[in-house]
PDB file of all heavy atoms in Angstrom:
ATOM      1  N   GLN A   1     -20.782 -47.505  26.350  1.00  0.00           N
ATOM      2  CA  GLN A   1     -20.985 -48.907  25.989  1.00  0.00           C
ATOM      3  C   GLN A   1     -21.471 -49.072  24.554  1.00  0.00           C
ATOM      4  O   GLN A   1     -21.280 -50.130  23.953  1.00  0.00           O
ATOM      5  CB  GLN A   1     -21.960 -49.561  26.965  1.00  0.00           C
ATOM      6  CG  GLN A   1     -21.363 -49.729  28.360  1.00  0.00           C
ATOM      7  CD  GLN A   1     -22.279 -50.503  29.293  1.00  0.00           C
ATOM      8  OE1 GLN A   1     -23.495 -50.326  29.269  1.00  0.00           O
ATOM      9  NE2 GLN A   1     -21.704 -51.353  30.120  1.00  0.00           N
ATOM     10  N   SER A   2     -22.081 -48.023  24.007  1.00  0.00           N
ATOM     11  CA  SER A   2     -22.554 -48.100  22.619  1.00  0.00           C
ATOM     12  C   SER A   2     -21.697 -47.291  21.656  1.00  0.00           C
ATOM     13  O   SER A   2     -21.805 -47.463  20.443  1.00  0.00           O
ATOM     14  CB  SER A   2     -24.009 -47.612  22.532  1.00  0.00           C
ATOM     15  OG  SER A   2     -24.129 -46.270  22.977  1.00  0.00           O
ATOM     16  N   VAL A   3     -20.852 -46.407  22.180  1.00  0.00           N
ATOM     17  CA  VAL A   3     -19.949 -45.617  21.345  1.00  0.00           C
ATOM     18  C   VAL A   3     -18.536 -45.831  21.858  1.00  0.00           C
ATOM     19  O   VAL A   3     -18.121 -45.241  22.851  1.00  0.00           O
ATOM     20  CB  VAL A   3     -20.309 -44.111  21.389  1.00  0.00           C
ATOM     21  CG1 VAL A   3     -19.320 -43.313  20.538  1.00  0.00           C
ATOM     22  CG2 VAL A   3     -21.738 -43.877  20.919  1.00  0.00           C
ATOM     23  N   ASN A   4     -17.794 -46.698  21.187  1.00  0.00           N
ATOM     24  CA  ASN A   4     -16.408 -46.938  21.585  1.00  0.00           C
ATOM     25  C   ASN A   4     -15.615 -47.509  20.417  1.00  0.00           C
ATOM     26  O   ASN A   4     -16.174 -48.053  19.467  1.00  0.00           O
ATOM     27  CB  ASN A   4     -16.332 -47.855  22.804  1.00  0.00           C
ATOM     28  CG  ASN A   4     -16.913 -49.232  22.558  1.00  0.00           C
ATOM     29  OD1 ASN A   4     -16.310 -50.049  21.846  1.00  0.00           O
ATOM     30  ND2 ASN A   4     -18.094 -49.508  23.123  1.00  0.00           N
ATOM     31  N   ALA A   5     -14.307 -47.364  20.496  1.00  0.00           N
ATOM     32  CA  ALA A   5     -13.436 -47.754  19.393  1.00  0.00           C
ATOM     33  C   ALA A   5     -13.456 -49.258  19.146  1.00  0.00           C
ATOM     34  O   ALA A   5     -13.446 -49.712  17.996  1.00  0.00           O
ATOM     35  CB  ALA A   5     -12.009 -47.288  19.673  1.00  0.00           C
ATOM     36  N   SER A   6     -13.453 -50.055  20.198  1.00  0.00           N
ATOM     37  CA  SER A   6     -13.408 -51.503  20.044  1.00  0.00           C
ATOM     38  C   SER A   6     -14.588 -52.010  19.228  1.00  0.00           C
ATOM     39  O   SER A   6     -14.422 -52.833  18.314  1.00  0.00           O
ATOM     40  CB  SER A   6     -13.392 -52.162  21.427  1.00  0.00           C
ATOM     41  OG  SER A   6     -13.377 -53.561  21.308  1.00  0.00           O
ATOM     42  N   GLN A   7     -15.769 -51.528  19.555  1.00  0.00           N
ATOM     43  CA  GLN A   7     -16.967 -51.949  18.819  1.00  0.00           C
ATOM     44  C   GLN A   7     -16.895 -51.494  17.370  1.00  0.00           C
ATOM     45  O   GLN A   7     -17.263 -52.237  16.448  1.00  0.00           O
ATOM     46  CB  GLN A   7     -18.212 -51.387  19.518  1.00  0.00           C
ATOM     47  CG  GLN A   7     -19.528 -51.690  18.826  1.00  0.00           C
ATOM     48  CD  GLN A   7     -19.943 -50.618  17.832  1.00  0.00           C
ATOM     49  OE1 GLN A   7     -19.620 -49.441  17.996  1.00  0.00           O
ATOM     50  NE2 GLN A   7     -20.639 -51.028  16.782  1.00  0.00           N
ATOM     51  N   GLN A   8     -16.397 -50.285  17.152  1.00  0.00           N
ATOM     52  CA  GLN A   8     -16.392 -49.733  15.795  1.00  0.00           C
ATOM     53  C   GLN A   8     -15.325 -50.357  14.905  1.00  0.00           C
ATOM     54  O   GLN A   8     -15.496 -50.433  13.684  1.00  0.00           O
ATOM     55  CB  GLN A   8     -16.228 -48.219  15.852  1.00  0.00           C
ATOM     56  CG  GLN A   8     -17.448 -47.524  16.443  1.00  0.00           C
ATOM     57  CD  GLN A   8     -17.454 -46.026  16.205  1.00  0.00           C
ATOM     58  OE1 GLN A   8     -16.909 -45.528  15.231  1.00  0.00           O
ATOM     59  NE2 GLN A   8     -18.082 -45.293  17.107  1.00  0.00           N
ATOM     60  N   ILE A   9     -14.244 -50.810  15.487  1.00  0.00           N
ATOM     61  CA  ILE A   9     -13.224 -51.495  14.685  1.00  0.00           C
ATOM     62  C   ILE A   9     -13.821 -52.718  13.997  1.00  0.00           C
ATOM     63  O   ILE A   9     -13.501 -53.018  12.832  1.00  0.00           O
ATOM     64  CB  ILE A   9     -12.030 -51.899  15.583  1.00  0.00           C
ATOM     65  CG1 ILE A   9     -11.226 -50.652  15.989  1.00  0.00           C
ATOM     66  CG2 ILE A   9     -11.122 -52.901  14.866  1.00  0.00           C
ATOM     67  CD1 ILE A   9     -10.164 -50.925  17.043  1.00  0.00           C
ATOM     68  N   GLU A  10     -14.725 -53.408  14.688  1.00  0.00           N
ATOM     69  CA  GLU A  10     -15.322 -54.639  14.163  1.00  0.00           C
ATOM     70  C   GLU A  10     -16.538 -54.388  13.271  1.00  0.00           C
ATOM     71  O   GLU A  10     -17.003 -55.318  12.597  1.00  0.00           O
ATOM     72  CB  GLU A  10     -15.751 -55.538  15.334  1.00  0.00           C
ATOM     73  CG  GLU A  10     -14.619 -55.904  16.279  1.00  0.00           C
ATOM     74  CD  GLU A  10     -13.493 -56.641  15.570  1.00  0.00           C
ATOM     75  OE1 GLU A  10     -13.787 -57.432  14.652  1.00  0.00           O
ATOM     76  OE2 GLU A  10     -12.315 -56.412  15.927  1.00  0.00           O
ATOM     77  N   ASP A  11     -17.043 -53.170  13.255  1.00  0.00           N
ATOM     78  CA  ASP A  11     -18.260 -52.850  12.501  1.00  0.00           C
ATOM     79  C   ASP A  11     -17.899 -52.153  11.187  1.00  0.00           C
ATOM     80  O   ASP A  11     -17.458 -51.006  11.196  1.00  0.00           O
ATOM     81  CB  ASP A  11     -19.162 -51.942  13.341  1.00  0.00           C
ATOM     82  CG  ASP A  11     -20.431 -51.533  12.608  1.00  0.00           C
ATOM     83  OD1 ASP A  11     -20.664 -52.012  11.481  1.00  0.00           O
ATOM     84  OD2 ASP A  11     -21.185 -50.705  13.167  1.00  0.00           O
ATOM     85  N   PRO A  12     -18.058 -52.795  10.050  1.00  0.00           N
ATOM     86  CA  PRO A  12     -17.666 -52.183   8.772  1.00  0.00           C
ATOM     87  C   PRO A  12     -18.456 -50.920   8.446  1.00  0.00           C
ATOM     88  O   PRO A  12     -18.002 -50.102   7.635  1.00  0.00           O
ATOM     89  CB  PRO A  12     -17.942 -53.291   7.744  1.00  0.00           C
ATOM     90  CG  PRO A  12     -18.918 -54.200   8.405  1.00  0.00           C
ATOM     91  CD  PRO A  12     -18.614 -54.145   9.870  1.00  0.00           C
ATOM     92  N   GLU A  13     -19.618 -50.724   9.068  1.00  0.00           N
ATOM     93  CA  GLU A  13     -20.434 -49.536   8.806  1.00  0.00           C
ATOM     94  C   GLU A  13     -20.228 -48.436   9.843  1.00  0.00           C
ATOM     95  O   GLU A  13     -20.991 -47.461   9.879  1.00  0.00           O
ATOM     96  CB  GLU A  13     -21.920 -49.929   8.770  1.00  0.00           C
ATOM     97  CG  GLU A  13     -22.264 -50.977   7.718  1.00  0.00           C
ATOM     98  CD  GLU A  13     -21.919 -50.496   6.313  1.00  0.00           C
ATOM     99  OE1 GLU A  13     -22.160 -49.310   6.019  1.00  0.00           O
ATOM    100  OE2 GLU A  13     -21.394 -51.311   5.533  1.00  0.00           O
ATOM    101  N   SER A  14     -19.206 -48.545  10.674  1.00  0.00           N
ATOM    102  CA  SER A  14     -19.007 -47.593  11.767  1.00  0.00           C
ATOM    103  C   SER A  14     -18.441 -46.271  11.276  1.00  0.00           C
ATOM    104  O   SER A  14     -17.893 -46.161  10.169  1.00  0.00           O
ATOM    105  CB  SER A  14     -18.052 -48.184  12.806  1.00  0.00           C
ATOM    106  OG  SER A  14     -16.740 -48.306  12.264  1.00  0.00           O
ATOM    107  N   ILE A  15     -18.545 -45.264  12.134  1.00  0.00           N
ATOM    108  CA  ILE A  15     -17.931 -43.959  11.837  1.00  0.00           C
ATOM    109  C   ILE A  15     -16.430 -44.112  11.723  1.00  0.00           C
ATOM    110  O   ILE A  15     -15.791 -43.529  10.835  1.00  0.00           O
ATOM    111  CB  ILE A  15     -18.312 -42.932  12.925  1.00  0.00           C
ATOM    112  CG1 ILE A  15     -19.813 -42.646  12.904  1.00  0.00           C
ATOM    113  CG2 ILE A  15     -17.526 -41.626  12.737  1.00  0.00           C
ATOM    114  CD1 ILE A  15     -20.296 -41.715  13.998  1.00  0.00           C
ATOM    115  N   LEU A  16     -15.833 -44.898  12.601  1.00  0.00           N
ATOM    116  CA  LEU A  16     -14.384 -45.105  12.561  1.00  0.00           C
ATOM    117  C   LEU A  16     -13.935 -45.667  11.223  1.00  0.00           C
ATOM    118  O   LEU A  16     -12.978 -45.158  10.607  1.00  0.00           O
ATOM    119  CB  LEU A  16     -13.964 -46.042  13.696  1.00  0.00           C
ATOM    120  CG  LEU A  16     -12.488 -46.463  13.725  1.00  0.00           C
ATOM    121  CD1 LEU A  16     -11.575 -45.269  13.882  1.00  0.00           C
ATOM    122  CD2 LEU A  16     -12.247 -47.480  14.843  1.00  0.00           C
ATOM    123  N   ASN A  17     -14.582 -46.696  10.743  1.00  0.00           N
ATOM    124  CA  ASN A  17     -14.171 -47.280   9.470  1.00  0.00           C
ATOM    125  C   ASN A  17     -14.482 -46.359   8.294  1.00  0.00           C
ATOM    126  O   ASN A  17     -13.795 -46.400   7.266  1.00  0.00           O
ATOM    127  CB  ASN A  17     -14.813 -48.654   9.293  1.00  0.00           C
ATOM    128  CG  ASN A  17     -14.057 -49.723  10.071  1.00  0.00           C
ATOM    129  OD1 ASN A  17     -12.835 -49.807  10.004  1.00  0.00           O
ATOM    130  ND2 ASN A  17     -14.772 -50.525  10.853  1.00  0.00           N
ATOM    131  N   PHE A  18     -15.495 -45.513   8.452  1.00  0.00           N
ATOM    132  CA  PHE A  18     -15.747 -44.529   7.406  1.00  0.00           C
ATOM    133  C   PHE A  18     -14.621 -43.499   7.371  1.00  0.00           C
ATOM    134  O   PHE A  18     -14.178 -43.085   6.293  1.00  0.00           O
ATOM    135  CB  PHE A  18     -17.096 -43.839   7.631  1.00  0.00           C
ATOM    136  CG  PHE A  18     -17.531 -43.004   6.458  1.00  0.00           C
ATOM    137  CD1 PHE A  18     -18.070 -43.598   5.330  1.00  0.00           C
ATOM    138  CD2 PHE A  18     -17.390 -41.625   6.473  1.00  0.00           C
ATOM    139  CE1 PHE A  18     -18.461 -42.842   4.231  1.00  0.00           C
ATOM    140  CE2 PHE A  18     -17.776 -40.851   5.387  1.00  0.00           C
ATOM    141  CZ  PHE A  18     -18.314 -41.465   4.266  1.00  0.00           C
ATOM    142  N   TYR A  19     -14.151 -43.060   8.538  1.00  0.00           N
ATOM    143  CA  TYR A  19     -12.995 -42.150   8.563  1.00  0.00           C
ATOM    144  C   TYR A  19     -11.793 -42.771   7.865  1.00  0.00           C
ATOM    145  O   TYR A  19     -11.079 -42.111   7.105  1.00  0.00           O
ATOM    146  CB  TYR A  19     -12.630 -41.774  10.001  1.00  0.00           C
ATOM    147  CG  TYR A  19     -13.204 -40.451  10.450  1.00  0.00           C
ATOM    148  CD1 TYR A  19     -14.390 -40.399  11.154  1.00  0.00           C
ATOM    149  CD2 TYR A  19     -12.564 -39.249  10.156  1.00  0.00           C
ATOM    150  CE1 TYR A  19     -14.930 -39.180  11.570  1.00  0.00           C
ATOM    151  CE2 TYR A  19     -13.098 -38.031  10.561  1.00  0.00           C
ATOM    152  CZ  TYR A  19     -14.281 -38.005  11.263  1.00  0.00           C
ATOM    153  OH  TYR A  19     -14.808 -36.806  11.659  1.00  0.00           O
ATOM    154  N   LYS A  20     -11.542 -44.046   8.124  1.00  0.00           N
ATOM    155  CA  LYS A  20     -10.411 -44.699   7.458  1.00  0.00           C
ATOM    156  C   LYS A  20     -10.577 -44.649   5.943  1.00  0.00           C
ATOM    157  O   LYS A  20      -9.614 -44.396   5.203  1.00  0.00           O
ATOM    158  CB  LYS A  20     -10.299 -46.151   7.930  1.00  0.00           C
ATOM    159  CG  LYS A  20      -9.877 -46.300   9.379  1.00  0.00           C
ATOM    160  CD  LYS A  20      -9.796 -47.774   9.778  1.00  0.00           C
ATOM    161  CE  LYS A  20      -9.394 -47.933  11.243  1.00  0.00           C
ATOM    162  NZ  LYS A  20      -9.289 -49.363  11.644  1.00  0.00           N
ATOM    163  N   ALA A  21     -11.803 -44.869   5.480  1.00  0.00           N
ATOM    164  CA  ALA A  21     -12.055 -44.871   4.039  1.00  0.00           C
ATOM    165  C   ALA A  21     -11.880 -43.483   3.434  1.00  0.00           C
ATOM    166  O   ALA A  21     -11.275 -43.334   2.362  1.00  0.00           O
ATOM    167  CB  ALA A  21     -13.476 -45.391   3.765  1.00  0.00           C
ATOM    168  N   VAL A  22     -12.402 -42.451   4.104  1.00  0.00           N
ATOM    169  CA  VAL A  22     -12.311 -41.118   3.506  1.00  0.00           C
ATOM    170  C   VAL A  22     -10.892 -40.569   3.580  1.00  0.00           C
ATOM    171  O   VAL A  22     -10.471 -39.815   2.683  1.00  0.00           O
ATOM    172  CB  VAL A  22     -13.320 -40.130   4.130  1.00  0.00           C
ATOM    173  CG1 VAL A  22     -14.746 -40.545   3.833  1.00  0.00           C
ATOM    174  CG2 VAL A  22     -13.097 -39.929   5.610  1.00  0.00           C
ATOM    175  N   LEU A  23     -10.141 -40.943   4.599  1.00  0.00           N
ATOM    176  CA  LEU A  23      -8.741 -40.497   4.647  1.00  0.00           C
ATOM    177  C   LEU A  23      -7.922 -41.150   3.545  1.00  0.00           C
ATOM    178  O   LEU A  23      -7.031 -40.529   2.947  1.00  0.00           O
ATOM    179  CB  LEU A  23      -8.137 -40.799   6.017  1.00  0.00           C
ATOM    180  CG  LEU A  23      -8.726 -40.018   7.196  1.00  0.00           C
ATOM    181  CD1 LEU A  23      -8.020 -40.397   8.496  1.00  0.00           C
ATOM    182  CD2 LEU A  23      -8.635 -38.511   6.961  1.00  0.00           C
ATOM    183  N   LYS A  24      -8.234 -42.401   3.247  1.00  0.00           N
ATOM    184  CA  LYS A  24      -7.570 -43.077   2.128  1.00  0.00           C
ATOM    185  C   LYS A  24      -7.961 -42.426   0.810  1.00  0.00           C
ATOM    186  O   LYS A  24      -7.111 -42.179  -0.062  1.00  0.00           O
ATOM    187  CB  LYS A  24      -7.947 -44.555   2.129  1.00  0.00           C
ATOM    188  CG  LYS A  24      -7.266 -45.367   1.034  1.00  0.00           C
ATOM    189  CD  LYS A  24      -7.661 -46.840   1.129  1.00  0.00           C
ATOM    190  CE  LYS A  24      -6.993 -47.662   0.033  1.00  0.00           C
ATOM    191  NZ  LYS A  24      -7.399 -49.098   0.103  1.00  0.00           N
ATOM    192  N   MET A  25      -9.240 -42.134   0.639  1.00  0.00           N
ATOM    193  CA  MET A  25      -9.721 -41.461  -0.571  1.00  0.00           C
ATOM    194  C   MET A  25      -9.063 -40.099  -0.727  1.00  0.00           C
ATOM    195  O   MET A  25      -8.672 -39.698  -1.835  1.00  0.00           O
ATOM    196  CB  MET A  25     -11.232 -41.293  -0.499  1.00  0.00           C
ATOM    197  CG  MET A  25     -11.851 -40.490  -1.638  1.00  0.00           C
ATOM    198  SD  MET A  25     -13.530 -39.895  -1.263  1.00  0.00           S
ATOM    199  CE  MET A  25     -13.156 -38.555  -0.105  1.00  0.00           C
ATOM    200  N   ARG A  26      -8.934 -39.368   0.366  1.00  0.00           N
ATOM    201  CA  ARG A  26      -8.348 -38.026   0.338  1.00  0.00           C
ATOM    202  C   ARG A  26      -6.942 -38.047  -0.246  1.00  0.00           C
ATOM    203  O   ARG A  26      -6.574 -37.177  -1.035  1.00  0.00           O
ATOM    204  CB  ARG A  26      -8.331 -37.474   1.763  1.00  0.00           C
ATOM    205  CG  ARG A  26      -7.674 -36.114   1.926  1.00  0.00           C
ATOM    206  CD  ARG A  26      -7.791 -35.654   3.373  1.00  0.00           C
ATOM    207  NE  ARG A  26      -7.022 -34.442   3.614  1.00  0.00           N
ATOM    208  CZ  ARG A  26      -7.428 -33.226   3.332  1.00  0.00           C
ATOM    209  NH1 ARG A  26      -8.612 -33.041   2.769  1.00  0.00           N
ATOM    210  NH2 ARG A  26      -6.673 -32.176   3.597  1.00  0.00           N
ATOM    211  N   LYS A  27      -6.168 -39.054   0.114  1.00  0.00           N
ATOM    212  CA  LYS A  27      -4.801 -39.119  -0.401  1.00  0.00           C
ATOM    213  C   LYS A  27      -4.746 -39.672  -1.818  1.00  0.00           C
ATOM    214  O   LYS A  27      -3.908 -39.259  -2.634  1.00  0.00           O
ATOM    215  CB  LYS A  27      -3.928 -39.946   0.544  1.00  0.00           C
ATOM    216  CG  LYS A  27      -3.647 -39.198   1.843  1.00  0.00           C
ATOM    217  CD  LYS A  27      -2.705 -39.942   2.742  1.00  0.00           C
ATOM    218  CE  LYS A  27      -2.420 -39.095   3.983  1.00  0.00           C
ATOM    219  NZ  LYS A  27      -1.575 -39.796   4.954  1.00  0.00           N
ATOM    220  N   GLU A  28      -5.639 -40.598  -2.129  1.00  0.00           N
ATOM    221  CA  GLU A  28      -5.658 -41.142  -3.480  1.00  0.00           C
ATOM    222  C   GLU A  28      -5.992 -40.064  -4.502  1.00  0.00           C
ATOM    223  O   GLU A  28      -5.434 -40.036  -5.599  1.00  0.00           O
ATOM    224  CB  GLU A  28      -6.662 -42.284  -3.577  1.00  0.00           C
ATOM    225  CG  GLU A  28      -6.671 -42.984  -4.936  1.00  0.00           C
ATOM    226  CD  GLU A  28      -7.601 -44.172  -4.963  1.00  0.00           C
ATOM    227  OE1 GLU A  28      -8.165 -44.536  -3.899  1.00  0.00           O
ATOM    228  OE2 GLU A  28      -7.760 -44.752  -6.054  1.00  0.00           O
ATOM    229  N   TYR A  29      -6.892 -39.154  -4.121  1.00  0.00           N
ATOM    230  CA  TYR A  29      -7.291 -38.045  -4.993  1.00  0.00           C
ATOM    231  C   TYR A  29      -6.809 -36.722  -4.400  1.00  0.00           C
ATOM    232  O   TYR A  29      -7.537 -35.737  -4.354  1.00  0.00           O
ATOM    233  CB  TYR A  29      -8.812 -38.041  -5.176  1.00  0.00           C
ATOM    234  CG  TYR A  29      -9.338 -39.301  -5.812  1.00  0.00           C
ATOM    235  CD1 TYR A  29      -9.836 -40.340  -5.026  1.00  0.00           C
ATOM    236  CD2 TYR A  29      -9.324 -39.459  -7.201  1.00  0.00           C
ATOM    237  CE1 TYR A  29     -10.310 -41.507  -5.613  1.00  0.00           C
ATOM    238  CE2 TYR A  29      -9.795 -40.623  -7.790  1.00  0.00           C
ATOM    239  CZ  TYR A  29     -10.288 -41.643  -6.990  1.00  0.00           C
ATOM    240  OH  TYR A  29     -10.757 -42.796  -7.583  1.00  0.00           O
ATOM    241  N   ARG A  30      -5.562 -36.719  -3.991  1.00  0.00           N
ATOM    242  CA  ARG A  30      -5.008 -35.545  -3.295  1.00  0.00           C
ATOM    243  C   ARG A  30      -5.033 -34.292  -4.163  1.00  0.00           C
ATOM    244  O   ARG A  30      -5.137 -33.186  -3.645  1.00  0.00           O
ATOM    245  CB  ARG A  30      -3.572 -35.823  -2.842  1.00  0.00           C
ATOM    246  CG  ARG A  30      -2.640 -36.283  -3.962  1.00  0.00           C
ATOM    247  CD  ARG A  30      -1.197 -36.405  -3.485  1.00  0.00           C
ATOM    248  NE  ARG A  30      -1.006 -37.304  -2.361  1.00  0.00           N
ATOM    249  CZ  ARG A  30      -0.820 -38.617  -2.476  1.00  0.00           C
ATOM    250  NH1 ARG A  30      -0.834 -39.190  -3.679  1.00  0.00           N
ATOM    251  NH2 ARG A  30      -0.650 -39.364  -1.419  1.00  0.00           N
ATOM    252  N   ASP A  31      -4.926 -34.472  -5.477  1.00  0.00           N
ATOM    253  CA  ASP A  31      -4.929 -33.298  -6.365  1.00  0.00           C
ATOM    254  C   ASP A  31      -6.245 -32.546  -6.299  1.00  0.00           C
ATOM    255  O   ASP A  31      -6.295 -31.332  -6.498  1.00  0.00           O
ATOM    256  CB  ASP A  31      -4.636 -33.721  -7.803  1.00  0.00           C
ATOM    257  CG  ASP A  31      -5.636 -34.749  -8.331  1.00  0.00           C
ATOM    258  OD1 ASP A  31      -5.793 -35.799  -7.678  1.00  0.00           O
ATOM    259  OD2 ASP A  31      -6.261 -34.495  -9.376  1.00  0.00           O
ATOM    260  N   ILE A  32      -7.335 -33.272  -5.996  1.00  0.00           N
ATOM    261  CA  ILE A  32      -8.653 -32.644  -5.884  1.00  0.00           C
ATOM    262  C   ILE A  32      -8.945 -32.215  -4.451  1.00  0.00           C
ATOM    263  O   ILE A  32      -9.299 -31.062  -4.193  1.00  0.00           O
ATOM    264  CB  ILE A  32      -9.756 -33.598  -6.373  1.00  0.00           C
ATOM    265  CG1 ILE A  32      -9.692 -33.755  -7.893  1.00  0.00           C
ATOM    266  CG2 ILE A  32     -11.133 -33.101  -5.966  1.00  0.00           C
ATOM    267  CD1 ILE A  32     -10.791 -34.621  -8.459  1.00  0.00           C
TER     268      ILE A  32
END
């Protein structure tokens, strides 16, 4: 009830949204 995808999709500070950010960063700076 406190750890689930639905809740994290709506929470900008969630682990899920952080994964989305770092995966985007990884490709933007793929050379590094």
